[in-house]
N, C-alpha and C. Protein backbone atom coordinates (compact mmCIF):
# COMPACT_ATOMS: atom_id res chain seq x y z
N MET A 1 -101.14 98.49 -108.45
CA MET A 1 -100.71 99.92 -108.81
C MET A 1 -101.95 100.66 -109.41
N THR A 2 -102.35 101.94 -108.89
CA THR A 2 -103.39 102.61 -109.56
C THR A 2 -103.36 102.91 -111.10
N ARG A 3 -104.28 102.88 -111.52
CA ARG A 3 -104.29 103.16 -112.91
C ARG A 3 -105.59 103.76 -113.48
N LEU A 4 -105.62 104.36 -114.63
CA LEU A 4 -106.87 104.91 -115.16
C LEU A 4 -107.26 103.90 -116.20
N SER A 5 -108.48 103.32 -116.21
CA SER A 5 -108.73 102.43 -117.08
C SER A 5 -108.89 103.16 -118.62
N SER A 6 -109.35 102.06 -119.65
CA SER A 6 -109.52 102.73 -121.00
C SER A 6 -110.60 103.74 -120.95
N ARG A 7 -111.62 103.63 -120.11
CA ARG A 7 -112.70 104.79 -119.98
C ARG A 7 -112.50 105.71 -119.08
N GLY A 8 -111.16 105.89 -118.68
CA GLY A 8 -110.83 107.16 -117.80
C GLY A 8 -111.23 106.93 -116.46
N ARG A 9 -111.49 105.69 -115.94
CA ARG A 9 -111.89 105.61 -114.53
C ARG A 9 -110.67 104.95 -113.81
N TRP A 10 -110.60 105.51 -112.55
CA TRP A 10 -109.33 104.94 -111.72
C TRP A 10 -109.78 103.77 -110.81
N THR A 11 -108.75 102.77 -110.66
CA THR A 11 -108.80 101.59 -109.93
C THR A 11 -107.79 101.52 -108.89
N ALA A 12 -107.93 101.08 -107.81
CA ALA A 12 -107.03 100.99 -106.83
C ALA A 12 -107.32 99.79 -105.80
N PRO A 13 -106.40 99.23 -105.35
CA PRO A 13 -106.44 98.16 -104.14
C PRO A 13 -107.30 98.68 -103.20
N LEU A 14 -108.40 97.90 -102.61
CA LEU A 14 -109.13 98.13 -101.37
C LEU A 14 -108.17 97.65 -100.29
N VAL A 15 -108.44 98.52 -99.09
CA VAL A 15 -107.43 98.45 -98.02
C VAL A 15 -108.19 97.50 -96.65
N GLY A 16 -108.18 96.24 -97.13
CA GLY A 16 -108.93 95.45 -95.99
C GLY A 16 -110.21 95.67 -95.68
N LEU A 17 -110.95 95.79 -96.33
CA LEU A 17 -112.50 96.05 -96.05
C LEU A 17 -113.35 94.77 -96.11
N ALA A 18 -112.93 93.92 -96.47
CA ALA A 18 -113.76 92.62 -96.64
C ALA A 18 -114.54 92.27 -95.34
N GLY A 19 -113.66 92.11 -94.35
CA GLY A 19 -114.16 91.94 -93.08
C GLY A 19 -115.05 92.78 -92.54
N LEU A 20 -114.81 94.10 -92.70
CA LEU A 20 -115.43 95.34 -92.10
C LEU A 20 -116.74 95.29 -92.79
N LEU A 21 -117.13 95.02 -94.03
CA LEU A 21 -118.20 95.15 -94.77
C LEU A 21 -119.27 93.91 -94.68
N ALA A 22 -118.62 92.97 -93.97
CA ALA A 22 -119.55 91.62 -93.91
C ALA A 22 -120.56 92.15 -92.84
N GLY A 23 -121.75 91.86 -92.94
CA GLY A 23 -122.98 92.30 -92.07
C GLY A 23 -123.23 93.78 -92.08
N GLY A 24 -122.78 94.40 -93.07
CA GLY A 24 -123.24 95.75 -93.35
C GLY A 24 -122.67 96.73 -92.54
N LEU A 25 -121.55 96.52 -91.53
CA LEU A 25 -120.91 97.46 -90.66
C LEU A 25 -120.15 98.59 -91.27
N GLY A 26 -119.60 98.39 -92.66
CA GLY A 26 -119.02 99.35 -93.35
C GLY A 26 -119.60 100.84 -93.33
N ALA A 27 -120.71 100.84 -93.65
CA ALA A 27 -121.27 102.31 -93.90
C ALA A 27 -121.51 102.94 -92.71
N ALA A 28 -122.01 102.07 -91.56
CA ALA A 28 -122.21 102.87 -90.30
C ALA A 28 -120.90 103.33 -89.89
N LEU A 29 -119.63 102.71 -90.23
CA LEU A 29 -118.60 103.19 -89.74
C LEU A 29 -117.98 104.43 -90.38
N VAL A 30 -118.51 104.81 -91.62
CA VAL A 30 -117.85 105.96 -92.42
C VAL A 30 -118.99 107.02 -92.58
N THR A 31 -120.16 106.76 -91.99
CA THR A 31 -121.15 107.74 -92.32
C THR A 31 -121.48 108.33 -90.99
N ALA A 32 -121.56 109.63 -90.96
CA ALA A 32 -121.75 110.30 -89.72
C ALA A 32 -123.34 110.12 -89.17
N PRO A 33 -123.48 110.09 -88.01
CA PRO A 33 -124.88 109.85 -87.32
C PRO A 33 -126.00 110.86 -87.83
N GLY A 34 -126.81 110.42 -88.46
CA GLY A 34 -128.12 111.15 -88.95
C GLY A 34 -127.76 111.74 -90.34
N ALA A 35 -126.55 111.51 -90.90
CA ALA A 35 -126.41 112.01 -92.33
C ALA A 35 -126.73 111.17 -93.51
N GLY A 36 -127.01 109.95 -92.93
CA GLY A 36 -127.26 108.96 -94.01
C GLY A 36 -126.06 108.64 -95.29
N VAL A 37 -126.51 107.63 -95.83
CA VAL A 37 -125.39 107.12 -96.96
C VAL A 37 -125.48 108.22 -98.00
N PRO A 38 -124.42 108.81 -98.42
CA PRO A 38 -124.33 109.86 -99.52
C PRO A 38 -125.02 109.36 -100.80
N ALA A 39 -125.62 110.39 -101.58
CA ALA A 39 -126.17 109.79 -102.85
C ALA A 39 -125.31 109.66 -103.83
N GLU A 40 -125.62 108.69 -104.90
CA GLU A 40 -124.95 108.57 -105.99
C GLU A 40 -124.47 109.73 -106.61
N ASP A 41 -125.21 110.75 -106.79
CA ASP A 41 -124.86 111.88 -107.56
C ASP A 41 -124.68 113.15 -106.68
N GLY A 42 -124.40 112.96 -105.41
CA GLY A 42 -124.07 114.11 -104.28
C GLY A 42 -122.72 114.44 -104.46
N ALA A 43 -122.51 115.74 -103.81
CA ALA A 43 -121.19 116.21 -103.93
C ALA A 43 -120.10 115.37 -103.29
N ASP A 44 -120.29 114.74 -102.17
CA ASP A 44 -119.34 113.72 -101.37
C ASP A 44 -118.78 112.71 -102.37
N VAL A 45 -119.84 112.19 -103.12
CA VAL A 45 -119.55 110.95 -104.06
C VAL A 45 -118.63 111.32 -105.38
N ARG A 46 -119.18 112.56 -105.73
CA ARG A 46 -118.64 113.10 -107.07
C ARG A 46 -117.15 113.58 -106.73
N PHE A 47 -116.83 114.37 -105.65
CA PHE A 47 -115.57 114.63 -105.13
C PHE A 47 -114.69 113.42 -104.98
N ILE A 48 -114.94 112.58 -104.32
CA ILE A 48 -114.35 111.23 -104.09
C ILE A 48 -113.96 110.60 -105.50
N ARG A 49 -114.81 110.38 -106.29
CA ARG A 49 -114.43 109.85 -107.66
C ARG A 49 -113.43 110.66 -108.41
N ASP A 50 -113.83 112.12 -108.32
CA ASP A 50 -112.95 113.01 -109.15
C ASP A 50 -111.49 113.07 -108.52
N MET A 51 -111.48 113.00 -107.26
CA MET A 51 -110.07 113.22 -106.74
C MET A 51 -109.20 112.04 -106.72
N GLY A 52 -110.12 110.86 -106.79
CA GLY A 52 -109.38 109.59 -107.04
C GLY A 52 -108.80 109.40 -108.54
N ALA A 53 -109.36 110.03 -109.45
CA ALA A 53 -108.78 110.05 -110.88
C ALA A 53 -107.65 111.03 -110.64
N HIS A 54 -107.87 112.25 -110.11
CA HIS A 54 -106.52 113.18 -110.05
C HIS A 54 -105.42 112.66 -109.39
N HIS A 55 -105.55 112.07 -108.12
CA HIS A 55 -104.54 111.43 -107.65
C HIS A 55 -103.82 110.27 -108.39
N ALA A 56 -104.65 109.74 -109.17
CA ALA A 56 -104.08 108.50 -110.04
C ALA A 56 -103.20 109.08 -110.97
N GLN A 57 -103.29 110.12 -111.53
CA GLN A 57 -102.37 110.74 -112.51
C GLN A 57 -101.24 111.21 -111.75
N ALA A 58 -101.18 111.85 -110.65
CA ALA A 58 -100.10 112.19 -109.70
C ALA A 58 -99.30 111.03 -109.30
N VAL A 59 -100.02 109.78 -109.02
CA VAL A 59 -99.13 108.54 -108.80
C VAL A 59 -98.44 108.39 -109.90
N GLU A 60 -99.06 108.21 -111.22
CA GLU A 60 -98.29 107.72 -112.36
C GLU A 60 -96.99 108.55 -112.74
N MET A 61 -97.24 110.05 -112.64
CA MET A 61 -96.02 110.64 -112.89
C MET A 61 -95.03 110.42 -111.89
N SER A 62 -95.46 110.32 -110.73
CA SER A 62 -94.44 110.16 -109.64
C SER A 62 -93.83 108.91 -109.59
N VAL A 63 -94.24 107.82 -109.96
CA VAL A 63 -93.80 106.60 -110.13
C VAL A 63 -92.73 106.57 -111.07
N VAL A 64 -92.87 107.34 -112.50
CA VAL A 64 -91.78 107.37 -113.57
C VAL A 64 -90.61 108.21 -112.79
N MET A 65 -91.00 109.34 -112.24
CA MET A 65 -89.76 110.11 -111.63
C MET A 65 -88.98 109.37 -110.57
N LEU A 66 -89.72 108.52 -109.73
CA LEU A 66 -88.92 107.75 -108.61
C LEU A 66 -88.09 106.84 -109.37
N LYS A 67 -88.22 106.23 -110.50
CA LYS A 67 -87.42 105.45 -111.36
C LYS A 67 -86.26 106.43 -111.82
N ARG A 68 -86.66 107.53 -112.35
CA ARG A 68 -85.61 108.23 -113.23
C ARG A 68 -84.96 109.24 -112.60
N ALA A 69 -85.29 109.85 -111.58
CA ALA A 69 -84.76 111.14 -111.07
C ALA A 69 -83.49 110.89 -110.40
N SER A 70 -82.42 111.65 -110.80
CA SER A 70 -81.05 111.60 -110.05
C SER A 70 -81.09 112.52 -108.80
N ASP A 71 -81.78 113.78 -109.02
CA ASP A 71 -81.74 114.61 -107.70
C ASP A 71 -82.51 113.92 -106.67
N PRO A 72 -81.87 113.98 -105.45
CA PRO A 72 -82.58 113.20 -104.10
C PRO A 72 -83.73 113.85 -103.80
N ALA A 73 -83.72 115.30 -103.89
CA ALA A 73 -84.86 115.88 -103.69
C ALA A 73 -86.14 115.78 -104.36
N VAL A 74 -86.00 115.78 -105.84
CA VAL A 74 -86.93 115.27 -106.56
C VAL A 74 -87.47 113.90 -106.35
N LYS A 75 -86.53 112.88 -106.18
CA LYS A 75 -86.86 111.47 -105.91
C LYS A 75 -87.62 111.31 -104.58
N LEU A 76 -87.30 112.34 -103.72
CA LEU A 76 -88.00 111.98 -102.27
C LEU A 76 -89.56 112.67 -102.42
N LEU A 77 -89.47 113.81 -103.15
CA LEU A 77 -91.07 114.33 -103.39
C LEU A 77 -91.86 113.25 -104.16
N ALA A 78 -91.27 112.47 -105.31
CA ALA A 78 -91.89 111.68 -106.14
C ALA A 78 -92.49 110.47 -105.17
N GLN A 79 -91.55 110.12 -104.33
CA GLN A 79 -91.85 109.07 -103.34
C GLN A 79 -92.90 109.28 -102.53
N ASP A 80 -92.87 110.62 -101.81
CA ASP A 80 -93.89 110.96 -100.89
C ASP A 80 -95.23 111.15 -101.64
N ILE A 81 -95.19 111.69 -102.75
CA ILE A 81 -96.59 111.71 -103.51
C ILE A 81 -97.03 110.36 -103.91
N ALA A 82 -96.25 109.34 -104.52
CA ALA A 82 -96.67 108.02 -104.92
C ALA A 82 -97.41 107.33 -103.78
N VAL A 83 -96.51 107.44 -102.56
CA VAL A 83 -96.87 106.50 -101.34
C VAL A 83 -98.25 107.21 -100.89
N THR A 84 -98.07 108.56 -100.59
CA THR A 84 -99.38 109.17 -99.95
C THR A 84 -100.54 109.14 -100.83
N GLN A 85 -100.51 109.45 -102.02
CA GLN A 85 -101.85 109.44 -102.73
C GLN A 85 -102.15 108.19 -103.21
N GLN A 86 -101.38 107.19 -103.47
CA GLN A 86 -101.57 105.80 -103.57
C GLN A 86 -102.59 105.44 -102.23
N GLY A 87 -102.04 105.68 -100.99
CA GLY A 87 -102.98 105.13 -99.84
C GLY A 87 -104.13 105.85 -99.95
N GLN A 88 -104.20 107.23 -100.17
CA GLN A 88 -105.34 107.92 -100.22
C GLN A 88 -106.56 107.39 -101.12
N ILE A 89 -106.14 107.09 -102.39
CA ILE A 89 -106.74 106.27 -103.20
C ILE A 89 -107.66 105.15 -102.71
N GLY A 90 -106.77 104.16 -102.13
CA GLY A 90 -107.53 103.20 -101.28
C GLY A 90 -108.40 103.66 -100.27
N GLN A 91 -108.03 104.61 -99.55
CA GLN A 91 -109.22 105.21 -98.52
C GLN A 91 -110.49 105.60 -99.30
N LEU A 92 -110.26 106.44 -100.42
CA LEU A 92 -111.29 106.89 -100.77
C LEU A 92 -112.25 105.63 -101.53
N SER A 93 -111.70 104.63 -102.11
CA SER A 93 -112.55 103.69 -102.76
C SER A 93 -113.04 102.84 -101.57
N GLY A 94 -112.32 102.84 -100.36
CA GLY A 94 -113.00 101.93 -99.52
C GLY A 94 -114.27 102.68 -98.86
N TRP A 95 -114.33 103.86 -98.72
CA TRP A 95 -115.57 104.59 -98.35
C TRP A 95 -116.84 104.33 -99.32
N LEU A 96 -116.41 104.45 -100.68
CA LEU A 96 -117.43 104.33 -101.55
C LEU A 96 -118.14 102.79 -101.58
N THR A 97 -117.10 101.80 -101.38
CA THR A 97 -117.38 100.36 -100.97
C THR A 97 -118.40 100.44 -99.81
N ALA A 98 -117.85 100.92 -98.81
CA ALA A 98 -118.72 100.64 -97.46
C ALA A 98 -120.14 101.43 -97.52
N TRP A 99 -120.19 102.24 -98.56
CA TRP A 99 -121.42 102.85 -98.77
C TRP A 99 -122.35 102.14 -99.86
N GLY A 100 -121.70 101.28 -100.24
CA GLY A 100 -122.35 100.24 -101.21
C GLY A 100 -122.56 100.85 -102.54
N LEU A 101 -121.47 101.62 -102.93
CA LEU A 101 -121.31 102.35 -104.12
C LEU A 101 -120.40 101.91 -105.16
N PRO A 102 -120.47 101.93 -106.34
CA PRO A 102 -119.38 101.55 -107.14
C PRO A 102 -118.09 102.47 -107.17
N VAL A 103 -117.00 102.05 -107.30
CA VAL A 103 -115.77 102.97 -107.30
C VAL A 103 -116.02 103.72 -108.64
N ALA A 104 -116.51 103.28 -109.74
CA ALA A 104 -116.60 104.03 -110.90
C ALA A 104 -118.16 104.47 -111.06
N GLY A 105 -118.43 105.66 -111.43
CA GLY A 105 -119.83 106.14 -111.73
C GLY A 105 -120.30 105.89 -113.13
N ALA A 106 -121.27 106.37 -113.36
CA ALA A 106 -121.78 106.33 -114.66
C ALA A 106 -121.24 107.02 -115.56
N GLN A 107 -120.75 108.25 -115.29
CA GLN A 107 -119.83 109.22 -116.07
C GLN A 107 -118.44 108.98 -115.51
N PRO A 108 -117.57 109.22 -116.44
CA PRO A 108 -116.12 109.24 -116.27
C PRO A 108 -115.76 110.36 -115.15
N PRO A 109 -114.51 110.11 -114.60
CA PRO A 109 -114.34 111.01 -113.55
C PRO A 109 -113.89 112.43 -114.03
N MET A 110 -114.31 113.33 -113.33
CA MET A 110 -114.24 114.78 -113.74
C MET A 110 -114.90 115.27 -115.02
N HIS A 111 -116.06 114.56 -115.11
CA HIS A 111 -116.96 114.77 -116.40
C HIS A 111 -117.52 116.26 -116.26
N GLY A 112 -117.36 116.84 -117.26
CA GLY A 112 -117.83 118.43 -117.29
C GLY A 112 -116.89 119.41 -116.67
N MET A 113 -115.76 118.86 -116.22
CA MET A 113 -114.91 119.84 -115.62
C MET A 113 -113.71 120.15 -116.64
N ASP A 114 -113.14 121.16 -116.44
CA ASP A 114 -112.02 121.48 -117.18
C ASP A 114 -110.85 120.83 -116.71
N ARG A 115 -110.32 119.99 -117.33
CA ARG A 115 -109.37 119.06 -116.78
C ARG A 115 -108.06 119.83 -116.78
N ALA A 116 -107.69 120.79 -117.80
CA ALA A 116 -106.44 121.49 -117.60
C ALA A 116 -106.35 122.53 -116.61
N GLU A 117 -107.56 123.13 -116.28
CA GLU A 117 -107.78 124.07 -115.23
C GLU A 117 -107.70 123.37 -113.92
N MET A 118 -107.93 122.29 -113.75
CA MET A 118 -107.72 121.35 -112.53
C MET A 118 -106.51 120.69 -112.63
N GLY A 119 -105.58 121.35 -113.57
CA GLY A 119 -104.06 120.76 -113.23
C GLY A 119 -103.48 119.25 -113.87
N MET A 120 -104.74 118.78 -114.56
CA MET A 120 -104.40 117.49 -115.25
C MET A 120 -103.40 117.71 -116.38
N ALA A 121 -102.48 116.72 -116.43
CA ALA A 121 -101.59 116.68 -117.54
C ALA A 121 -102.09 116.08 -118.77
N THR A 122 -101.52 116.41 -119.80
CA THR A 122 -101.96 115.77 -121.15
C THR A 122 -101.25 114.32 -121.13
N PRO A 123 -101.74 113.40 -121.92
CA PRO A 123 -101.05 112.22 -122.20
C PRO A 123 -99.60 112.35 -122.69
N ALA A 124 -99.47 113.44 -123.50
CA ALA A 124 -98.14 113.60 -124.06
C ALA A 124 -97.20 114.31 -122.90
N ASP A 125 -97.76 114.95 -121.98
CA ASP A 125 -96.82 115.49 -120.91
C ASP A 125 -96.32 114.27 -120.08
N VAL A 126 -97.32 113.32 -119.95
CA VAL A 126 -96.98 112.30 -118.98
C VAL A 126 -95.79 111.33 -119.52
N GLN A 127 -96.07 111.13 -120.81
CA GLN A 127 -95.31 110.27 -121.73
C GLN A 127 -93.84 110.85 -121.82
N ALA A 128 -93.79 112.25 -121.86
CA ALA A 128 -92.39 112.97 -121.99
C ALA A 128 -91.58 112.67 -120.99
N LEU A 129 -92.09 112.58 -119.68
CA LEU A 129 -91.32 112.32 -118.49
C LEU A 129 -90.38 110.97 -118.60
N ASP A 130 -90.90 110.08 -119.29
CA ASP A 130 -90.30 108.85 -119.39
C ASP A 130 -88.84 109.05 -120.65
N HIS A 131 -89.08 110.05 -121.37
CA HIS A 131 -88.42 110.11 -122.44
C HIS A 131 -87.21 111.30 -122.48
N LEU A 132 -87.75 112.45 -121.82
CA LEU A 132 -86.70 113.53 -121.86
C LEU A 132 -85.39 113.26 -121.06
N PRO A 133 -84.39 114.19 -121.17
CA PRO A 133 -83.02 113.76 -120.40
C PRO A 133 -83.70 114.11 -119.01
N VAL A 134 -82.72 113.38 -118.11
CA VAL A 134 -83.35 113.29 -116.80
C VAL A 134 -83.30 114.95 -116.06
N ARG A 135 -82.55 115.57 -116.38
CA ARG A 135 -82.51 117.00 -115.57
C ARG A 135 -83.72 117.73 -116.38
N VAL A 136 -84.00 117.62 -117.42
CA VAL A 136 -85.10 118.41 -118.06
C VAL A 136 -86.46 117.65 -117.49
N ALA A 137 -86.53 116.34 -117.56
CA ALA A 137 -87.63 115.69 -116.95
C ALA A 137 -87.90 116.03 -115.44
N GLU A 138 -87.06 116.32 -114.76
CA GLU A 138 -87.14 116.48 -113.43
C GLU A 138 -87.79 117.93 -113.17
N GLY A 139 -87.29 118.91 -114.10
CA GLY A 139 -87.98 120.34 -113.98
C GLY A 139 -89.27 120.27 -114.31
N ARG A 140 -89.58 119.52 -115.54
CA ARG A 140 -90.93 119.31 -116.18
C ARG A 140 -91.87 118.66 -115.06
N TYR A 141 -91.21 117.76 -114.45
CA TYR A 141 -92.39 116.92 -113.29
C TYR A 141 -92.57 117.90 -112.29
N LEU A 142 -91.61 118.75 -111.92
CA LEU A 142 -91.79 119.93 -110.79
C LEU A 142 -92.88 120.63 -111.10
N LEU A 143 -92.82 121.34 -112.48
CA LEU A 143 -93.87 122.23 -112.90
C LEU A 143 -95.11 121.57 -113.08
N LEU A 144 -95.21 120.41 -113.56
CA LEU A 144 -96.42 119.65 -113.76
C LEU A 144 -97.04 119.45 -112.51
N MET A 145 -96.28 118.92 -111.36
CA MET A 145 -97.07 118.69 -110.18
C MET A 145 -97.34 119.79 -109.52
N ARG A 146 -96.68 121.00 -109.72
CA ARG A 146 -97.08 122.04 -109.02
C ARG A 146 -98.50 122.59 -109.37
N ARG A 147 -98.75 122.53 -110.80
CA ARG A 147 -99.90 122.88 -111.32
C ARG A 147 -101.16 121.75 -111.12
N HIS A 148 -100.84 120.61 -110.89
CA HIS A 148 -101.38 119.49 -110.41
C HIS A 148 -102.07 119.83 -109.04
N HIS A 149 -101.18 119.96 -108.24
CA HIS A 149 -101.29 120.43 -106.94
C HIS A 149 -102.26 121.45 -106.58
N LEU A 150 -102.02 122.60 -107.49
CA LEU A 150 -103.01 123.64 -107.52
C LEU A 150 -104.46 123.41 -107.75
N GLY A 151 -104.56 122.54 -108.94
CA GLY A 151 -105.71 122.14 -109.34
C GLY A 151 -106.58 121.28 -108.19
N GLY A 152 -105.66 120.33 -107.59
CA GLY A 152 -106.15 119.56 -106.43
C GLY A 152 -107.00 120.44 -105.41
N VAL A 153 -106.09 121.61 -104.97
CA VAL A 153 -106.54 122.53 -103.98
C VAL A 153 -107.89 122.97 -104.30
N ALA A 154 -107.84 123.37 -105.67
CA ALA A 154 -109.15 124.15 -105.98
C ALA A 154 -110.50 123.19 -105.96
N MET A 155 -110.00 121.87 -106.42
CA MET A 155 -111.21 120.97 -106.35
C MET A 155 -111.57 120.76 -104.83
N ALA A 156 -110.53 120.48 -104.05
CA ALA A 156 -110.89 120.47 -102.60
C ALA A 156 -111.67 121.62 -101.98
N LYS A 157 -111.23 122.84 -102.22
CA LYS A 157 -112.06 123.85 -101.84
C LYS A 157 -113.59 124.09 -102.24
N ALA A 158 -113.79 123.60 -103.70
CA ALA A 158 -114.92 123.57 -104.11
C ALA A 158 -115.86 122.54 -103.48
N ALA A 159 -115.19 121.27 -103.07
CA ALA A 159 -115.89 120.43 -102.55
C ALA A 159 -116.47 120.82 -101.22
N LEU A 160 -115.68 121.49 -100.46
CA LEU A 160 -115.98 122.01 -99.11
C LEU A 160 -117.33 122.74 -98.80
N THR A 161 -117.90 123.43 -100.26
CA THR A 161 -118.88 123.93 -100.18
C THR A 161 -120.07 123.12 -100.26
N GLY A 162 -120.00 121.91 -100.79
CA GLY A 162 -121.18 120.91 -101.04
C GLY A 162 -121.17 119.72 -100.20
N ALA A 163 -119.96 119.10 -99.77
CA ALA A 163 -119.66 118.11 -99.13
C ALA A 163 -120.38 118.00 -97.76
N ARG A 164 -121.11 116.82 -97.40
CA ARG A 164 -121.97 116.77 -96.12
C ARG A 164 -121.43 115.75 -95.20
N GLN A 165 -120.51 114.81 -95.52
CA GLN A 165 -119.88 113.93 -94.78
C GLN A 165 -118.43 114.46 -93.97
N PRO A 166 -118.72 114.38 -92.92
CA PRO A 166 -117.45 114.90 -91.89
C PRO A 166 -116.24 114.29 -92.38
N LEU A 167 -116.19 112.84 -92.92
CA LEU A 167 -115.00 112.33 -93.33
C LEU A 167 -114.41 112.78 -94.59
N VAL A 168 -115.33 113.27 -95.51
CA VAL A 168 -115.00 113.67 -96.78
C VAL A 168 -114.46 115.17 -96.45
N GLN A 169 -115.09 116.14 -95.63
CA GLN A 169 -114.87 117.36 -95.51
C GLN A 169 -113.53 117.34 -94.83
N ALA A 170 -113.32 116.66 -94.00
CA ALA A 170 -111.92 116.64 -93.04
C ALA A 170 -110.87 116.22 -94.36
N PHE A 171 -111.13 115.28 -95.08
CA PHE A 171 -110.27 114.90 -96.31
C PHE A 171 -109.83 116.10 -97.14
N ALA A 172 -110.84 116.74 -97.50
CA ALA A 172 -110.94 118.03 -98.51
C ALA A 172 -109.71 118.87 -97.86
N ASN A 173 -110.15 119.17 -96.53
CA ASN A 173 -109.29 120.12 -95.79
C ASN A 173 -107.68 119.70 -95.54
N ARG A 174 -107.51 118.41 -95.61
CA ARG A 174 -106.15 117.69 -95.57
C ARG A 174 -105.42 117.91 -96.81
N VAL A 175 -106.20 117.77 -98.05
CA VAL A 175 -105.78 118.22 -99.27
C VAL A 175 -105.47 119.28 -99.66
N VAL A 176 -105.97 120.21 -99.15
CA VAL A 176 -105.76 121.80 -99.06
C VAL A 176 -104.50 122.05 -98.39
N ALA A 177 -104.39 121.64 -97.11
CA ALA A 177 -103.39 122.02 -96.46
C ALA A 177 -102.02 121.21 -96.79
N SER A 178 -102.14 119.95 -97.33
CA SER A 178 -100.78 119.28 -97.55
C SER A 178 -100.56 119.68 -98.97
N GLN A 179 -101.25 119.96 -99.86
CA GLN A 179 -100.71 120.37 -101.15
C GLN A 179 -100.54 121.69 -101.32
N THR A 180 -100.83 122.65 -100.34
CA THR A 180 -100.55 123.94 -100.54
C THR A 180 -99.12 124.08 -99.86
N ALA A 181 -98.65 123.14 -98.95
CA ALA A 181 -97.62 123.07 -98.39
C ALA A 181 -96.47 122.43 -99.39
N GLU A 182 -96.86 121.58 -100.16
CA GLU A 182 -95.96 120.79 -101.13
C GLU A 182 -95.83 121.89 -102.15
N VAL A 183 -96.65 122.63 -102.73
CA VAL A 183 -96.35 123.57 -103.68
C VAL A 183 -95.30 124.51 -103.03
N ARG A 184 -95.21 124.92 -101.97
CA ARG A 184 -94.22 125.76 -101.28
C ARG A 184 -92.87 125.16 -101.51
N SER A 185 -92.87 123.78 -101.29
CA SER A 185 -91.70 122.96 -101.45
C SER A 185 -91.08 122.96 -102.80
N ILE A 186 -92.07 122.87 -103.67
CA ILE A 186 -91.77 122.72 -105.14
C ILE A 186 -91.21 124.06 -105.75
N ASP A 187 -91.88 125.11 -105.10
CA ASP A 187 -91.43 126.45 -105.47
C ASP A 187 -89.84 126.79 -105.13
N ALA A 188 -89.53 126.22 -103.87
CA ALA A 188 -88.22 126.26 -103.49
C ALA A 188 -87.22 125.45 -104.41
N MET A 189 -87.61 124.16 -104.89
CA MET A 189 -86.86 123.37 -105.63
C MET A 189 -86.78 124.02 -107.11
N LEU A 190 -87.96 124.69 -107.60
CA LEU A 190 -87.79 125.44 -108.94
C LEU A 190 -86.87 126.54 -108.90
N LYS A 191 -86.92 127.18 -107.64
CA LYS A 191 -85.97 128.43 -107.62
C LYS A 191 -84.61 127.90 -107.42
N ALA A 192 -84.30 126.81 -107.05
CA ALA A 192 -82.80 126.40 -106.90
C ALA A 192 -82.31 125.93 -108.47
N ARG A 193 -83.38 125.67 -109.28
CA ARG A 193 -83.15 125.35 -110.79
C ARG A 193 -83.18 126.57 -111.43
N SER A 194 -83.49 127.74 -110.86
CA SER A 194 -83.65 129.15 -111.84
C SER A 194 -84.68 128.81 -112.71
N LEU A 195 -85.72 128.09 -112.19
CA LEU A 195 -86.85 128.17 -113.07
C LEU A 195 -88.11 128.75 -112.39
N THR A 196 -88.89 129.48 -113.16
CA THR A 196 -89.96 130.26 -112.93
C THR A 196 -91.08 129.60 -113.18
N PRO A 197 -92.27 129.26 -112.44
CA PRO A 197 -93.50 128.56 -113.10
C PRO A 197 -94.02 129.54 -114.16
N PRO A 198 -94.65 129.06 -115.27
CA PRO A 198 -95.20 129.92 -116.17
C PRO A 198 -96.55 130.22 -115.82
N PRO A 199 -97.30 131.21 -116.65
CA PRO A 199 -98.76 131.32 -116.05
C PRO A 199 -99.51 130.39 -116.40
N PRO A 200 -100.75 130.14 -115.52
CA PRO A 200 -101.55 129.21 -115.72
C PRO A 200 -102.10 128.91 -117.27
N GLY A 201 -102.25 127.50 -117.53
CA GLY A 201 -102.69 127.44 -118.92
C GLY A 201 -102.36 125.94 -119.21
N PRO A 202 -102.92 125.49 -120.06
CA PRO A 202 -102.89 123.90 -120.47
C PRO A 202 -101.63 123.70 -121.23
N ASP A 203 -101.18 124.81 -121.83
CA ASP A 203 -100.11 124.48 -122.98
C ASP A 203 -98.75 125.32 -122.55
N ASN A 204 -98.61 125.68 -121.34
CA ASN A 204 -97.48 126.51 -120.98
C ASN A 204 -96.29 126.03 -120.09
N ILE A 205 -96.45 124.57 -119.96
CA ILE A 205 -95.29 123.74 -119.26
C ILE A 205 -94.50 122.80 -120.49
N HIS A 206 -93.65 123.60 -121.01
CA HIS A 206 -92.81 122.99 -121.97
C HIS A 206 -91.36 123.62 -121.69
N THR A 207 -90.41 122.85 -122.09
CA THR A 207 -89.25 123.26 -121.94
C THR A 207 -88.71 124.49 -122.35
N GLU A 208 -89.28 124.52 -123.69
CA GLU A 208 -88.92 126.04 -124.37
C GLU A 208 -89.61 127.06 -123.77
N ASP A 209 -90.65 126.87 -123.03
CA ASP A 209 -91.31 128.10 -122.47
C ASP A 209 -91.07 128.46 -121.04
N MET A 210 -89.91 127.42 -120.42
CA MET A 210 -89.48 127.82 -118.92
C MET A 210 -88.60 129.14 -118.84
N ASN A 211 -89.31 129.97 -117.88
CA ASN A 211 -88.35 131.10 -117.75
C ASN A 211 -87.19 130.96 -116.68
N HIS A 212 -86.05 131.30 -117.21
CA HIS A 212 -84.96 131.23 -116.37
C HIS A 212 -84.42 132.43 -115.71
N GLY A 213 -84.42 132.38 -114.29
CA GLY A 213 -84.01 133.49 -113.64
C GLY A 213 -82.45 133.82 -113.86
């Protein structure tokens, strides 16, 4: 299971790279001809590490709701996010390993970024999903994931201005497309619950602040 360590770094199982990396073949297979191995402090590597941490929290919240949700639509959304983003974490960590770079950098993920602006939930938000009444937790999860996805889209769009590796650029484009589509699905689910997303902000997603149509 993906998790954030005590230092805020993400870990994930690698996806069968041991044989690939033997003999130094990994970097050649994930690096564009002429592009060279990405620099430790380059935009490609920073984005991979930041998005790994971002995905890890989405997986954590989704696993909770996969266990707790009674609404089939919410459970299906949680399953899709948990499986898809867990797999992507393995992919991202695999690229770093193939380039001979550690999964964790010297700085914690998203260092210097406004985590709330990037859609990251607070520890209290995440813990509440375990304890709120199920119906309330489902609504809170949808709101948190909507904001989380919008933050992920913003991170991916920013990466497209600096990333140089085609694999990383393609991945960022997929994040933009898939998470934008998923936000539309979440909006439909919120509408069915007569819930209106609150304005952006770190402290706006709470039961008492939900706008009911």
